[in-house]
């Protein structure tokens, strides 16, 4: 394992959710320990090449799934990827379906979020620094379109668009809560994409 150096750079960052702890086919892999002003990221960063593209992979929960959603250092994770030169972030999450049309194993590319988290720091701007970042369209459209094409290429059943509702966890929602979320138009439910998406927007990263 090496510490971050001046030559450690990547074009695309991948944040792996539950069950995704590495990238198949990643070559020339280096394991980097990245320091940030916000503490340690969830894990070391795996830096390597995939089809000639420099990739930085970070396990959101840590390899071995040892960090629960409320304890993830979202600011450190986003800062670590930004510091490696990442401009685009592919965020992969395991979610629950709120619609009968979305089956287990389907790929969903949401384009909206509802934030019901309660305990998480959701901004880089503090300590006298004030900024208000537009978040009406929280997903990077160009990256979302590229992911849609890739999903079709591999034959996945993919749903384009939809609302991801993010709860605090680690408990799952009650039946009453789930019925309410369905009325709100939620497509899927998860525990981790917020404040991650907000922080990515503040860091000027293309996120999907």
N, C-alpha and C. Protein backbone atom coordinates (compact mmCIF):
# COMPACT_ATOMS: atom_id res chain seq x y z
N UNK A 1 0.85 -1.19 0.00
CA UNK A 1 0.00 0.00 0.00
C UNK A 1 0.88 1.24 0.00
N UNK A 2 0.51 2.24 -0.80
CA UNK A 2 1.27 3.48 -0.87
C UNK A 2 0.40 4.66 -0.48
N UNK A 3 1.07 5.74 -0.11
CA UNK A 3 0.34 6.97 0.17
C UNK A 3 0.15 7.75 -1.12
N UNK A 4 -0.82 8.65 -1.08
CA UNK A 4 -1.11 9.44 -2.26
C UNK A 4 0.12 10.22 -2.70
N UNK A 5 0.41 10.15 -4.00
CA UNK A 5 1.53 10.89 -4.55
C UNK A 5 1.07 11.84 -5.63
N UNK A 6 2.00 12.68 -6.11
CA UNK A 6 1.64 13.66 -7.12
C UNK A 6 1.22 13.01 -8.43
N UNK A 7 1.68 11.80 -8.70
CA UNK A 7 1.37 11.14 -9.96
C UNK A 7 0.15 10.24 -9.85
N UNK A 8 -0.45 10.16 -8.68
CA UNK A 8 -1.63 9.32 -8.51
C UNK A 8 -2.85 10.09 -9.01
N UNK A 9 -3.31 9.73 -10.21
CA UNK A 9 -4.43 10.46 -10.82
C UNK A 9 -5.41 9.46 -11.41
N UNK A 10 -6.67 9.90 -11.51
CA UNK A 10 -7.71 9.07 -12.12
C UNK A 10 -8.69 9.98 -12.84
N UNK A 11 -9.35 9.44 -13.86
CA UNK A 11 -10.35 10.19 -14.62
C UNK A 11 -11.76 9.96 -14.07
N UNK A 12 -12.03 8.73 -13.70
CA UNK A 12 -13.37 8.34 -13.24
C UNK A 12 -13.27 7.71 -11.87
N UNK A 13 -14.16 8.10 -10.99
CA UNK A 13 -14.26 7.48 -9.68
C UNK A 13 -15.47 6.57 -9.62
N UNK A 14 -15.32 5.44 -8.97
CA UNK A 14 -16.44 4.52 -8.75
C UNK A 14 -16.58 4.32 -7.25
N UNK A 15 -17.76 4.60 -6.73
CA UNK A 15 -18.05 4.34 -5.33
C UNK A 15 -18.90 3.08 -5.26
N UNK A 16 -18.37 2.06 -4.65
CA UNK A 16 -19.06 0.76 -4.59
C UNK A 16 -19.90 0.64 -3.34
N UNK A 17 -21.16 0.24 -3.52
CA UNK A 17 -22.06 0.03 -2.40
C UNK A 17 -22.00 -1.39 -1.90
N UNK A 18 -23.06 -1.80 -1.22
CA UNK A 18 -23.12 -3.14 -0.62
C UNK A 18 -22.89 -4.21 -1.68
N UNK A 19 -21.90 -5.07 -1.46
CA UNK A 19 -21.62 -6.17 -2.36
C UNK A 19 -20.61 -5.86 -3.45
N UNK A 20 -20.26 -4.60 -3.63
CA UNK A 20 -19.28 -4.22 -4.66
C UNK A 20 -18.04 -3.67 -3.96
N UNK A 21 -17.01 -4.50 -3.88
CA UNK A 21 -15.82 -4.14 -3.11
C UNK A 21 -14.56 -4.06 -3.96
N UNK A 22 -14.68 -4.31 -5.26
CA UNK A 22 -13.58 -4.11 -6.19
C UNK A 22 -14.16 -4.02 -7.59
N UNK A 23 -13.30 -3.82 -8.58
CA UNK A 23 -13.73 -3.69 -9.97
C UNK A 23 -13.11 -4.82 -10.78
N UNK A 24 -13.93 -5.68 -11.33
CA UNK A 24 -13.44 -6.79 -12.13
C UNK A 24 -12.74 -6.27 -13.38
N UNK A 25 -11.57 -6.80 -13.65
CA UNK A 25 -10.82 -6.41 -14.84
C UNK A 25 -9.91 -5.22 -14.66
N UNK A 26 -9.87 -4.65 -13.47
CA UNK A 26 -9.00 -3.50 -13.21
C UNK A 26 -7.54 -3.95 -13.24
N UNK A 27 -6.71 -3.26 -14.02
CA UNK A 27 -5.31 -3.63 -14.19
C UNK A 27 -4.39 -2.58 -13.58
N UNK A 28 -3.13 -2.98 -13.37
CA UNK A 28 -2.10 -2.09 -12.82
C UNK A 28 -2.60 -1.43 -11.54
N UNK A 29 -3.12 -2.23 -10.65
CA UNK A 29 -3.80 -1.71 -9.45
C UNK A 29 -2.79 -1.29 -8.39
N UNK A 30 -3.01 -0.09 -7.86
CA UNK A 30 -2.28 0.40 -6.70
C UNK A 30 -3.29 0.71 -5.60
N UNK A 31 -2.92 0.42 -4.38
CA UNK A 31 -3.78 0.71 -3.24
C UNK A 31 -3.25 1.96 -2.55
N UNK A 32 -4.08 3.00 -2.51
CA UNK A 32 -3.64 4.29 -1.99
C UNK A 32 -4.32 4.62 -0.67
N UNK A 33 -3.54 5.12 0.26
CA UNK A 33 -4.08 5.67 1.50
C UNK A 33 -4.14 7.18 1.34
N UNK A 34 -5.35 7.73 1.28
CA UNK A 34 -5.54 9.15 0.99
C UNK A 34 -5.93 9.89 2.27
N UNK A 35 -5.19 10.93 2.58
CA UNK A 35 -5.52 11.77 3.73
C UNK A 35 -6.40 12.93 3.27
N UNK A 36 -7.36 13.32 4.11
CA UNK A 36 -8.23 14.45 3.80
C UNK A 36 -8.38 15.33 5.04
N UNK A 37 -8.79 16.59 4.87
CA UNK A 37 -9.03 17.46 6.02
C UNK A 37 -10.22 17.01 6.87
N UNK A 38 -10.99 16.05 6.35
CA UNK A 38 -12.20 15.60 7.02
C UNK A 38 -12.05 14.23 7.66
N UNK A 39 -10.82 13.75 7.73
CA UNK A 39 -10.58 12.44 8.29
C UNK A 39 -10.37 11.40 7.22
N UNK A 40 -10.43 10.15 7.61
CA UNK A 40 -10.14 9.05 6.68
C UNK A 40 -11.37 8.68 5.86
N UNK A 41 -11.19 8.36 4.57
CA UNK A 41 -12.28 7.79 3.79
C UNK A 41 -12.68 6.42 4.32
N UNK A 42 -13.72 5.85 3.74
CA UNK A 42 -14.22 4.56 4.20
C UNK A 42 -13.19 3.45 4.07
N UNK A 43 -12.27 3.58 3.11
CA UNK A 43 -11.27 2.55 2.86
C UNK A 43 -10.14 3.18 2.06
N UNK A 44 -9.11 2.40 1.80
CA UNK A 44 -8.10 2.83 0.85
C UNK A 44 -8.72 2.87 -0.54
N UNK A 45 -8.09 3.62 -1.43
CA UNK A 45 -8.58 3.76 -2.80
C UNK A 45 -7.78 2.83 -3.70
N UNK A 46 -8.49 2.07 -4.54
CA UNK A 46 -7.84 1.23 -5.54
C UNK A 46 -7.74 2.01 -6.83
N UNK A 47 -6.51 2.26 -7.28
CA UNK A 47 -6.27 3.03 -8.49
C UNK A 47 -5.74 2.09 -9.56
N UNK A 48 -6.37 2.09 -10.73
CA UNK A 48 -5.93 1.20 -11.79
C UNK A 48 -6.47 1.62 -13.14
N UNK A 49 -6.33 0.73 -14.13
CA UNK A 49 -6.77 1.02 -15.49
C UNK A 49 -7.81 0.00 -15.93
N UNK A 50 -8.82 0.50 -16.62
CA UNK A 50 -9.85 -0.34 -17.21
C UNK A 50 -10.09 0.14 -18.63
N UNK A 51 -9.73 -0.70 -19.61
CA UNK A 51 -9.83 -0.32 -21.02
C UNK A 51 -9.13 1.01 -21.30
N UNK A 52 -7.99 1.20 -20.68
CA UNK A 52 -7.19 2.39 -20.93
C UNK A 52 -7.61 3.63 -20.16
N UNK A 53 -8.64 3.52 -19.34
CA UNK A 53 -9.12 4.65 -18.54
C UNK A 53 -8.65 4.49 -17.10
N UNK A 54 -8.13 5.56 -16.54
CA UNK A 54 -7.68 5.53 -15.15
C UNK A 54 -8.89 5.58 -14.22
N UNK A 55 -9.01 4.60 -13.35
CA UNK A 55 -10.15 4.45 -12.45
C UNK A 55 -9.68 4.52 -11.00
N UNK A 56 -10.46 5.24 -10.19
CA UNK A 56 -10.25 5.23 -8.74
C UNK A 56 -11.49 4.60 -8.11
N UNK A 57 -11.30 3.49 -7.42
CA UNK A 57 -12.43 2.78 -6.80
C UNK A 57 -12.37 2.92 -5.29
N UNK A 58 -13.52 3.24 -4.69
CA UNK A 58 -13.62 3.38 -3.24
C UNK A 58 -14.84 2.62 -2.75
N UNK A 59 -14.64 1.72 -1.82
CA UNK A 59 -15.75 0.99 -1.21
C UNK A 59 -16.42 1.87 -0.16
N UNK A 60 -17.69 2.18 -0.37
CA UNK A 60 -18.41 3.11 0.50
C UNK A 60 -18.49 2.62 1.94
N UNK A 61 -18.73 1.33 2.11
CA UNK A 61 -18.85 0.76 3.45
C UNK A 61 -17.54 0.15 3.95
N UNK A 62 -16.49 0.25 3.13
CA UNK A 62 -15.24 -0.42 3.46
C UNK A 62 -15.32 -1.88 3.06
N UNK A 63 -14.20 -2.41 2.58
CA UNK A 63 -14.18 -3.83 2.23
C UNK A 63 -14.45 -4.67 3.48
N UNK A 64 -15.36 -5.61 3.35
CA UNK A 64 -15.83 -6.36 4.50
C UNK A 64 -17.10 -5.78 5.09
N UNK A 65 -17.56 -4.66 4.53
CA UNK A 65 -18.81 -4.00 4.93
C UNK A 65 -18.82 -3.73 6.44
N UNK A 66 -17.94 -2.82 6.85
CA UNK A 66 -17.76 -2.57 8.28
C UNK A 66 -18.24 -1.18 8.72
N UNK A 67 -18.75 -0.37 7.78
CA UNK A 67 -19.21 0.98 8.12
C UNK A 67 -20.68 1.10 7.77
N UNK A 68 -21.53 1.40 8.75
CA UNK A 68 -22.96 1.50 8.45
C UNK A 68 -23.27 2.87 7.84
N UNK A 69 -24.45 3.03 7.22
CA UNK A 69 -24.74 4.26 6.46
C UNK A 69 -24.57 5.55 7.25
N UNK A 70 -24.97 5.56 8.52
CA UNK A 70 -24.89 6.78 9.32
C UNK A 70 -23.46 7.13 9.71
N UNK A 71 -22.55 6.18 9.63
CA UNK A 71 -21.16 6.39 10.05
C UNK A 71 -20.21 6.66 8.89
N UNK A 72 -20.69 6.59 7.66
CA UNK A 72 -19.82 6.83 6.51
C UNK A 72 -19.33 8.28 6.51
N UNK A 73 -18.06 8.46 6.26
CA UNK A 73 -17.47 9.80 6.17
C UNK A 73 -17.61 10.28 4.73
N UNK A 74 -18.79 10.77 4.40
CA UNK A 74 -19.10 11.13 3.02
C UNK A 74 -18.18 12.25 2.51
N UNK A 75 -17.89 13.21 3.35
CA UNK A 75 -17.01 14.31 2.91
C UNK A 75 -15.61 13.80 2.59
N UNK A 76 -15.09 12.94 3.42
CA UNK A 76 -13.75 12.39 3.15
C UNK A 76 -13.75 11.58 1.86
N UNK A 77 -14.80 10.81 1.62
CA UNK A 77 -14.87 9.99 0.41
C UNK A 77 -14.83 10.86 -0.85
N UNK A 78 -15.69 11.89 -0.88
CA UNK A 78 -15.74 12.76 -2.05
C UNK A 78 -14.44 13.55 -2.19
N UNK A 79 -13.93 14.05 -1.10
CA UNK A 79 -12.67 14.81 -1.14
C UNK A 79 -11.53 13.94 -1.66
N UNK A 80 -11.48 12.69 -1.23
CA UNK A 80 -10.41 11.79 -1.66
C UNK A 80 -10.43 11.60 -3.17
N UNK A 81 -11.61 11.39 -3.74
CA UNK A 81 -11.71 11.21 -5.19
C UNK A 81 -11.34 12.50 -5.92
N UNK A 82 -11.84 13.62 -5.43
CA UNK A 82 -11.52 14.92 -6.05
C UNK A 82 -10.02 15.16 -6.04
N UNK A 83 -9.35 14.82 -4.94
CA UNK A 83 -7.92 15.06 -4.81
C UNK A 83 -7.09 14.22 -5.77
N UNK A 84 -7.68 13.14 -6.28
CA UNK A 84 -7.00 12.28 -7.24
C UNK A 84 -7.25 12.71 -8.68
N UNK A 85 -7.95 13.83 -8.86
CA UNK A 85 -8.21 14.33 -10.20
C UNK A 85 -9.49 13.83 -10.82
N UNK A 86 -10.28 13.08 -10.07
CA UNK A 86 -11.53 12.54 -10.60
C UNK A 86 -12.48 13.68 -10.96
N UNK A 87 -13.13 13.55 -12.12
CA UNK A 87 -14.13 14.53 -12.54
C UNK A 87 -15.52 13.94 -12.66
N UNK A 88 -15.58 12.61 -12.81
CA UNK A 88 -16.87 11.93 -12.93
C UNK A 88 -16.93 10.80 -11.91
N UNK A 89 -18.07 10.70 -11.24
CA UNK A 89 -18.24 9.69 -10.19
C UNK A 89 -19.44 8.81 -10.52
N UNK A 90 -19.19 7.51 -10.63
CA UNK A 90 -20.26 6.52 -10.80
C UNK A 90 -20.55 5.94 -9.43
N UNK A 91 -21.75 6.16 -8.94
CA UNK A 91 -22.14 5.71 -7.61
C UNK A 91 -23.04 4.48 -7.73
N UNK A 92 -22.60 3.37 -7.15
CA UNK A 92 -23.35 2.11 -7.23
C UNK A 92 -23.91 1.79 -5.86
N UNK A 93 -25.21 1.52 -5.80
CA UNK A 93 -25.88 1.25 -4.52
C UNK A 93 -26.84 0.08 -4.65
N UNK A 94 -26.96 -0.68 -3.58
CA UNK A 94 -28.02 -1.68 -3.47
C UNK A 94 -29.24 -0.99 -2.87
N UNK A 95 -30.39 -1.13 -3.51
CA UNK A 95 -31.59 -0.42 -3.07
C UNK A 95 -32.78 -1.36 -3.02
N UNK A 96 -33.85 -0.87 -2.43
CA UNK A 96 -35.13 -1.58 -2.44
C UNK A 96 -36.06 -0.96 -3.45
N UNK A 97 -36.89 -1.78 -4.07
CA UNK A 97 -37.83 -1.29 -5.07
C UNK A 97 -39.11 -0.80 -4.41
N UNK A 98 -39.62 0.32 -4.90
CA UNK A 98 -40.89 0.86 -4.45
C UNK A 98 -41.97 0.71 -5.51
N UNK A 99 -41.63 0.03 -6.61
CA UNK A 99 -42.57 -0.16 -7.71
C UNK A 99 -42.53 -1.61 -8.17
N UNK A 100 -43.71 -2.15 -8.49
CA UNK A 100 -43.77 -3.54 -8.95
C UNK A 100 -43.00 -3.75 -10.25
N UNK A 101 -42.87 -2.69 -11.05
CA UNK A 101 -42.19 -2.82 -12.34
C UNK A 101 -40.68 -2.93 -12.20
N UNK A 102 -40.14 -2.59 -11.04
CA UNK A 102 -38.70 -2.69 -10.80
C UNK A 102 -38.43 -3.98 -10.04
N UNK A 103 -37.81 -4.92 -10.73
CA UNK A 103 -37.60 -6.26 -10.19
C UNK A 103 -36.19 -6.41 -9.60
N UNK A 104 -35.98 -7.40 -8.72
CA UNK A 104 -34.63 -7.68 -8.22
C UNK A 104 -33.66 -7.93 -9.38
N UNK A 105 -32.51 -7.32 -9.33
CA UNK A 105 -31.52 -7.47 -10.39
C UNK A 105 -31.60 -6.41 -11.47
N UNK A 106 -32.68 -5.64 -11.50
CA UNK A 106 -32.79 -4.56 -12.48
C UNK A 106 -31.81 -3.44 -12.14
N UNK A 107 -31.45 -2.67 -13.16
CA UNK A 107 -30.61 -1.49 -12.98
C UNK A 107 -31.51 -0.26 -13.04
N UNK A 108 -31.39 0.61 -12.04
CA UNK A 108 -32.17 1.84 -12.00
C UNK A 108 -31.22 3.02 -12.03
N UNK A 109 -31.49 3.98 -12.90
CA UNK A 109 -30.69 5.20 -13.01
C UNK A 109 -31.56 6.37 -12.58
N UNK A 110 -31.68 6.62 -11.28
CA UNK A 110 -32.55 7.70 -10.81
C UNK A 110 -32.03 9.06 -11.24
N UNK A 111 -32.96 10.01 -11.38
CA UNK A 111 -32.55 11.37 -11.71
C UNK A 111 -33.01 12.39 -10.67
N UNK A 112 -33.66 11.90 -9.59
CA UNK A 112 -34.07 12.77 -8.50
C UNK A 112 -33.86 12.07 -7.16
N UNK A 113 -33.72 12.88 -6.11
CA UNK A 113 -33.54 12.37 -4.76
C UNK A 113 -34.49 13.05 -3.79
N UNK A 114 -34.89 12.31 -2.76
CA UNK A 114 -35.56 12.88 -1.59
C UNK A 114 -34.69 12.53 -0.39
N UNK A 115 -34.31 13.54 0.37
CA UNK A 115 -33.37 13.36 1.47
C UNK A 115 -34.11 13.32 2.80
N UNK A 116 -34.15 12.14 3.42
CA UNK A 116 -34.75 11.98 4.74
C UNK A 116 -33.70 11.62 5.79
N UNK A 117 -32.44 11.88 5.49
CA UNK A 117 -31.39 11.60 6.47
C UNK A 117 -31.44 12.65 7.58
N UNK A 118 -30.87 12.30 8.74
CA UNK A 118 -31.02 13.14 9.93
C UNK A 118 -29.70 13.47 10.62
N UNK A 119 -28.71 12.62 10.50
CA UNK A 119 -27.51 12.72 11.34
C UNK A 119 -26.25 13.07 10.57
N UNK A 120 -26.35 13.47 9.32
CA UNK A 120 -25.18 13.52 8.46
C UNK A 120 -24.78 14.95 8.09
N UNK A 121 -23.50 15.19 8.05
CA UNK A 121 -22.99 16.48 7.57
C UNK A 121 -23.13 16.49 6.06
N UNK A 122 -23.81 17.51 5.52
CA UNK A 122 -24.18 17.47 4.10
C UNK A 122 -23.55 18.59 3.28
N UNK A 123 -22.53 19.26 3.80
CA UNK A 123 -21.90 20.33 3.04
C UNK A 123 -20.42 20.45 3.40
N UNK A 124 -19.65 20.97 2.43
CA UNK A 124 -18.27 21.34 2.68
C UNK A 124 -18.17 22.78 3.20
N UNK A 125 -19.25 23.54 3.03
CA UNK A 125 -19.21 24.96 3.33
C UNK A 125 -19.60 25.22 4.78
N UNK A 126 -18.63 25.60 5.58
CA UNK A 126 -18.87 25.87 7.00
C UNK A 126 -17.73 26.73 7.52
N UNK A 127 -17.78 27.07 8.79
CA UNK A 127 -16.72 27.87 9.38
C UNK A 127 -16.58 29.24 8.76
N UNK A 128 -17.71 29.88 8.46
CA UNK A 128 -17.68 31.21 7.87
C UNK A 128 -17.74 31.24 6.36
N UNK A 129 -17.67 30.08 5.72
CA UNK A 129 -17.80 29.99 4.26
C UNK A 129 -19.24 29.63 3.94
N UNK A 130 -19.93 30.50 3.19
CA UNK A 130 -21.33 30.29 2.87
C UNK A 130 -21.49 30.18 1.37
N UNK A 131 -22.18 29.15 0.91
CA UNK A 131 -22.46 28.98 -0.51
C UNK A 131 -23.76 28.19 -0.66
N UNK A 132 -24.51 28.51 -1.70
CA UNK A 132 -25.76 27.83 -1.98
C UNK A 132 -25.67 27.24 -3.40
N UNK A 133 -25.62 25.93 -3.49
CA UNK A 133 -25.36 25.25 -4.75
C UNK A 133 -26.67 24.74 -5.35
N UNK A 134 -26.88 24.98 -6.63
CA UNK A 134 -28.07 24.49 -7.32
C UNK A 134 -28.09 22.97 -7.31
N UNK A 135 -29.25 22.40 -6.96
CA UNK A 135 -29.36 20.95 -6.86
C UNK A 135 -30.69 20.45 -7.42
N UNK A 136 -31.33 21.29 -8.24
CA UNK A 136 -32.62 20.90 -8.81
C UNK A 136 -32.53 19.67 -9.69
N UNK A 137 -31.44 19.56 -10.42
CA UNK A 137 -31.16 18.37 -11.24
C UNK A 137 -29.90 17.73 -10.68
N UNK A 138 -30.03 16.82 -9.72
CA UNK A 138 -28.88 16.35 -8.95
C UNK A 138 -27.97 15.36 -9.67
N UNK A 139 -28.43 14.82 -10.79
CA UNK A 139 -27.66 13.79 -11.50
C UNK A 139 -27.09 14.38 -12.78
N UNK A 140 -25.85 14.04 -13.06
CA UNK A 140 -25.17 14.50 -14.27
C UNK A 140 -25.77 13.79 -15.49
N UNK A 141 -26.42 14.55 -16.37
CA UNK A 141 -27.16 13.96 -17.48
C UNK A 141 -26.26 13.20 -18.45
N UNK A 142 -25.08 13.75 -18.75
CA UNK A 142 -24.21 13.09 -19.72
C UNK A 142 -23.69 11.76 -19.19
N UNK A 143 -23.35 11.71 -17.91
CA UNK A 143 -22.88 10.46 -17.32
C UNK A 143 -24.03 9.46 -17.21
N UNK A 144 -25.21 9.94 -16.87
CA UNK A 144 -26.37 9.06 -16.81
C UNK A 144 -26.67 8.43 -18.16
N UNK A 145 -26.54 9.21 -19.24
CA UNK A 145 -26.77 8.69 -20.59
C UNK A 145 -25.73 7.64 -20.95
N UNK A 146 -24.48 7.86 -20.56
CA UNK A 146 -23.43 6.88 -20.83
C UNK A 146 -23.68 5.58 -20.07
N UNK A 147 -24.15 5.68 -18.83
CA UNK A 147 -24.46 4.48 -18.05
C UNK A 147 -25.65 3.74 -18.65
N UNK A 148 -26.62 4.48 -19.16
CA UNK A 148 -27.77 3.84 -19.82
C UNK A 148 -27.31 3.03 -21.02
N UNK A 149 -26.46 3.62 -21.86
CA UNK A 149 -25.94 2.90 -23.03
C UNK A 149 -25.16 1.66 -22.60
N UNK A 150 -24.35 1.78 -21.56
CA UNK A 150 -23.56 0.64 -21.09
C UNK A 150 -24.45 -0.47 -20.56
N UNK A 151 -25.51 -0.11 -19.84
CA UNK A 151 -26.43 -1.12 -19.31
C UNK A 151 -27.13 -1.86 -20.44
N UNK A 152 -27.53 -1.12 -21.47
CA UNK A 152 -28.16 -1.77 -22.62
C UNK A 152 -27.18 -2.69 -23.34
N UNK A 153 -25.92 -2.27 -23.43
CA UNK A 153 -24.90 -3.05 -24.13
C UNK A 153 -24.72 -4.43 -23.51
N UNK A 154 -24.78 -4.50 -22.18
CA UNK A 154 -24.58 -5.79 -21.49
C UNK A 154 -25.89 -6.54 -21.29
N UNK A 155 -27.00 -6.01 -21.82
CA UNK A 155 -28.27 -6.72 -21.76
C UNK A 155 -29.02 -6.60 -20.45
N UNK A 156 -28.70 -5.60 -19.65
CA UNK A 156 -29.39 -5.42 -18.37
C UNK A 156 -30.78 -4.84 -18.58
N UNK A 157 -31.69 -5.19 -17.69
CA UNK A 157 -32.99 -4.53 -17.65
C UNK A 157 -32.80 -3.23 -16.90
N UNK A 158 -32.99 -2.11 -17.58
CA UNK A 158 -32.64 -0.82 -17.00
C UNK A 158 -33.85 0.11 -17.00
N UNK A 159 -33.98 0.86 -15.93
CA UNK A 159 -35.05 1.85 -15.79
C UNK A 159 -34.39 3.23 -15.75
N UNK A 160 -34.73 4.07 -16.71
CA UNK A 160 -34.13 5.39 -16.79
C UNK A 160 -35.00 6.40 -16.03
N UNK A 161 -34.39 7.15 -15.15
CA UNK A 161 -35.11 8.14 -14.37
C UNK A 161 -35.80 7.52 -13.16
N UNK A 162 -36.34 8.38 -12.33
CA UNK A 162 -37.02 7.92 -11.13
C UNK A 162 -36.49 8.64 -9.90
N UNK A 163 -37.17 8.41 -8.79
CA UNK A 163 -36.85 9.10 -7.54
C UNK A 163 -36.25 8.11 -6.55
N UNK A 164 -35.07 8.44 -6.06
CA UNK A 164 -34.39 7.67 -5.00
C UNK A 164 -34.67 8.37 -3.68
N UNK A 165 -35.32 7.69 -2.76
CA UNK A 165 -35.56 8.25 -1.44
C UNK A 165 -34.53 7.68 -0.47
N UNK A 166 -33.83 8.57 0.21
CA UNK A 166 -32.73 8.16 1.09
C UNK A 166 -33.14 8.32 2.54
N UNK A 167 -33.18 7.21 3.27
CA UNK A 167 -33.52 7.24 4.69
C UNK A 167 -32.24 7.11 5.51
N UNK A 168 -32.34 7.42 6.80
CA UNK A 168 -31.16 7.41 7.65
C UNK A 168 -30.64 6.00 7.88
N UNK A 169 -31.54 5.02 8.11
CA UNK A 169 -31.08 3.69 8.45
C UNK A 169 -30.45 3.67 9.83
N UNK A 170 -29.79 2.58 10.22
CA UNK A 170 -29.63 1.36 9.42
C UNK A 170 -30.87 0.48 9.37
N UNK A 171 -31.94 0.85 10.08
CA UNK A 171 -33.17 0.07 10.02
C UNK A 171 -33.87 0.31 8.67
N UNK A 172 -34.57 -0.70 8.20
CA UNK A 172 -35.40 -0.52 7.02
C UNK A 172 -36.67 0.25 7.39
N UNK A 173 -37.39 0.72 6.41
CA UNK A 173 -38.61 1.48 6.66
C UNK A 173 -39.74 0.57 7.14
N UNK A 174 -40.70 1.16 7.86
CA UNK A 174 -41.90 0.42 8.24
C UNK A 174 -42.83 0.32 7.03
N UNK A 175 -43.82 -0.54 7.11
CA UNK A 175 -44.80 -0.64 6.02
C UNK A 175 -45.53 0.68 5.82
N UNK A 176 -45.85 1.35 6.94
CA UNK A 176 -46.53 2.64 6.84
C UNK A 176 -45.67 3.67 6.14
N UNK A 177 -44.38 3.70 6.47
CA UNK A 177 -43.47 4.63 5.81
C UNK A 177 -43.35 4.31 4.32
N UNK A 178 -43.23 3.04 4.01
CA UNK A 178 -43.10 2.65 2.60
C UNK A 178 -44.33 3.04 1.79
N UNK A 179 -45.51 2.88 2.38
CA UNK A 179 -46.73 3.31 1.68
C UNK A 179 -46.71 4.81 1.43
N UNK A 180 -46.24 5.57 2.41
CA UNK A 180 -46.13 7.02 2.24
C UNK A 180 -45.14 7.36 1.14
N UNK A 181 -44.00 6.71 1.11
CA UNK A 181 -42.99 7.00 0.10
C UNK A 181 -43.49 6.68 -1.30
N UNK A 182 -44.27 5.63 -1.42
CA UNK A 182 -44.86 5.30 -2.72
C UNK A 182 -45.80 6.41 -3.18
N UNK A 183 -46.56 6.97 -2.24
CA UNK A 183 -47.45 8.08 -2.57
C UNK A 183 -46.67 9.31 -3.03
N UNK A 184 -45.48 9.46 -2.49
CA UNK A 184 -44.62 10.57 -2.90
C UNK A 184 -43.99 10.36 -4.28
N UNK A 185 -44.13 9.17 -4.83
CA UNK A 185 -43.57 8.88 -6.14
C UNK A 185 -42.19 8.26 -6.14
N UNK A 186 -41.77 7.74 -4.99
CA UNK A 186 -40.45 7.12 -4.92
C UNK A 186 -40.38 5.88 -5.81
N UNK A 187 -39.26 5.70 -6.46
CA UNK A 187 -39.01 4.52 -7.30
C UNK A 187 -38.21 3.47 -6.55
N UNK A 188 -37.18 3.93 -5.84
CA UNK A 188 -36.32 3.04 -5.05
C UNK A 188 -36.01 3.70 -3.72
N UNK A 189 -35.60 2.88 -2.75
CA UNK A 189 -35.26 3.38 -1.42
C UNK A 189 -33.89 2.86 -1.02
N UNK A 190 -33.08 3.74 -0.47
CA UNK A 190 -31.74 3.37 -0.03
C UNK A 190 -31.31 4.20 1.16
N UNK A 191 -30.03 4.06 1.53
CA UNK A 191 -29.54 4.73 2.74
C UNK A 191 -28.24 5.50 2.52
N UNK A 192 -27.73 5.59 1.30
CA UNK A 192 -26.36 6.09 1.16
C UNK A 192 -26.11 7.17 0.11
N UNK A 193 -26.99 7.40 -0.83
CA UNK A 193 -26.66 8.33 -1.91
C UNK A 193 -26.74 9.80 -1.50
N UNK A 194 -27.28 10.04 -0.32
CA UNK A 194 -27.28 11.38 0.25
C UNK A 194 -26.66 11.31 1.64
N UNK A 195 -25.82 12.24 1.97
CA UNK A 195 -25.49 13.49 1.25
C UNK A 195 -24.42 13.34 0.16
N UNK A 196 -24.10 12.13 -0.22
CA UNK A 196 -23.03 11.90 -1.19
C UNK A 196 -23.21 12.72 -2.46
N UNK A 197 -24.44 12.70 -3.01
CA UNK A 197 -24.70 13.44 -4.25
C UNK A 197 -24.58 14.94 -4.05
N UNK A 198 -25.01 15.43 -2.90
CA UNK A 198 -24.90 16.87 -2.61
C UNK A 198 -23.44 17.30 -2.52
N UNK A 199 -22.64 16.50 -1.86
CA UNK A 199 -21.22 16.82 -1.71
C UNK A 199 -20.49 16.75 -3.05
N UNK A 200 -20.88 15.79 -3.89
CA UNK A 200 -20.29 15.71 -5.22
C UNK A 200 -20.61 16.96 -6.03
N UNK A 201 -21.83 17.45 -5.91
CA UNK A 201 -22.19 18.68 -6.62
C UNK A 201 -21.38 19.87 -6.10
N UNK A 202 -21.23 19.97 -4.79
CA UNK A 202 -20.41 21.06 -4.24
C UNK A 202 -18.96 20.97 -4.70
N UNK A 203 -18.48 19.75 -4.89
CA UNK A 203 -17.10 19.54 -5.35
C UNK A 203 -16.97 19.65 -6.87
N UNK A 204 -18.08 19.99 -7.54
CA UNK A 204 -18.11 20.16 -8.99
C UNK A 204 -17.74 18.88 -9.72
N UNK A 205 -18.26 17.76 -9.22
CA UNK A 205 -18.06 16.47 -9.86
C UNK A 205 -19.33 16.06 -10.59
N UNK A 206 -19.16 15.46 -11.75
CA UNK A 206 -20.28 14.90 -12.52
C UNK A 206 -20.65 13.57 -11.87
N UNK A 207 -21.86 13.46 -11.31
CA UNK A 207 -22.24 12.34 -10.45
C UNK A 207 -23.49 11.65 -10.99
N UNK A 208 -23.44 10.33 -11.06
CA UNK A 208 -24.63 9.57 -11.47
C UNK A 208 -24.52 8.16 -10.89
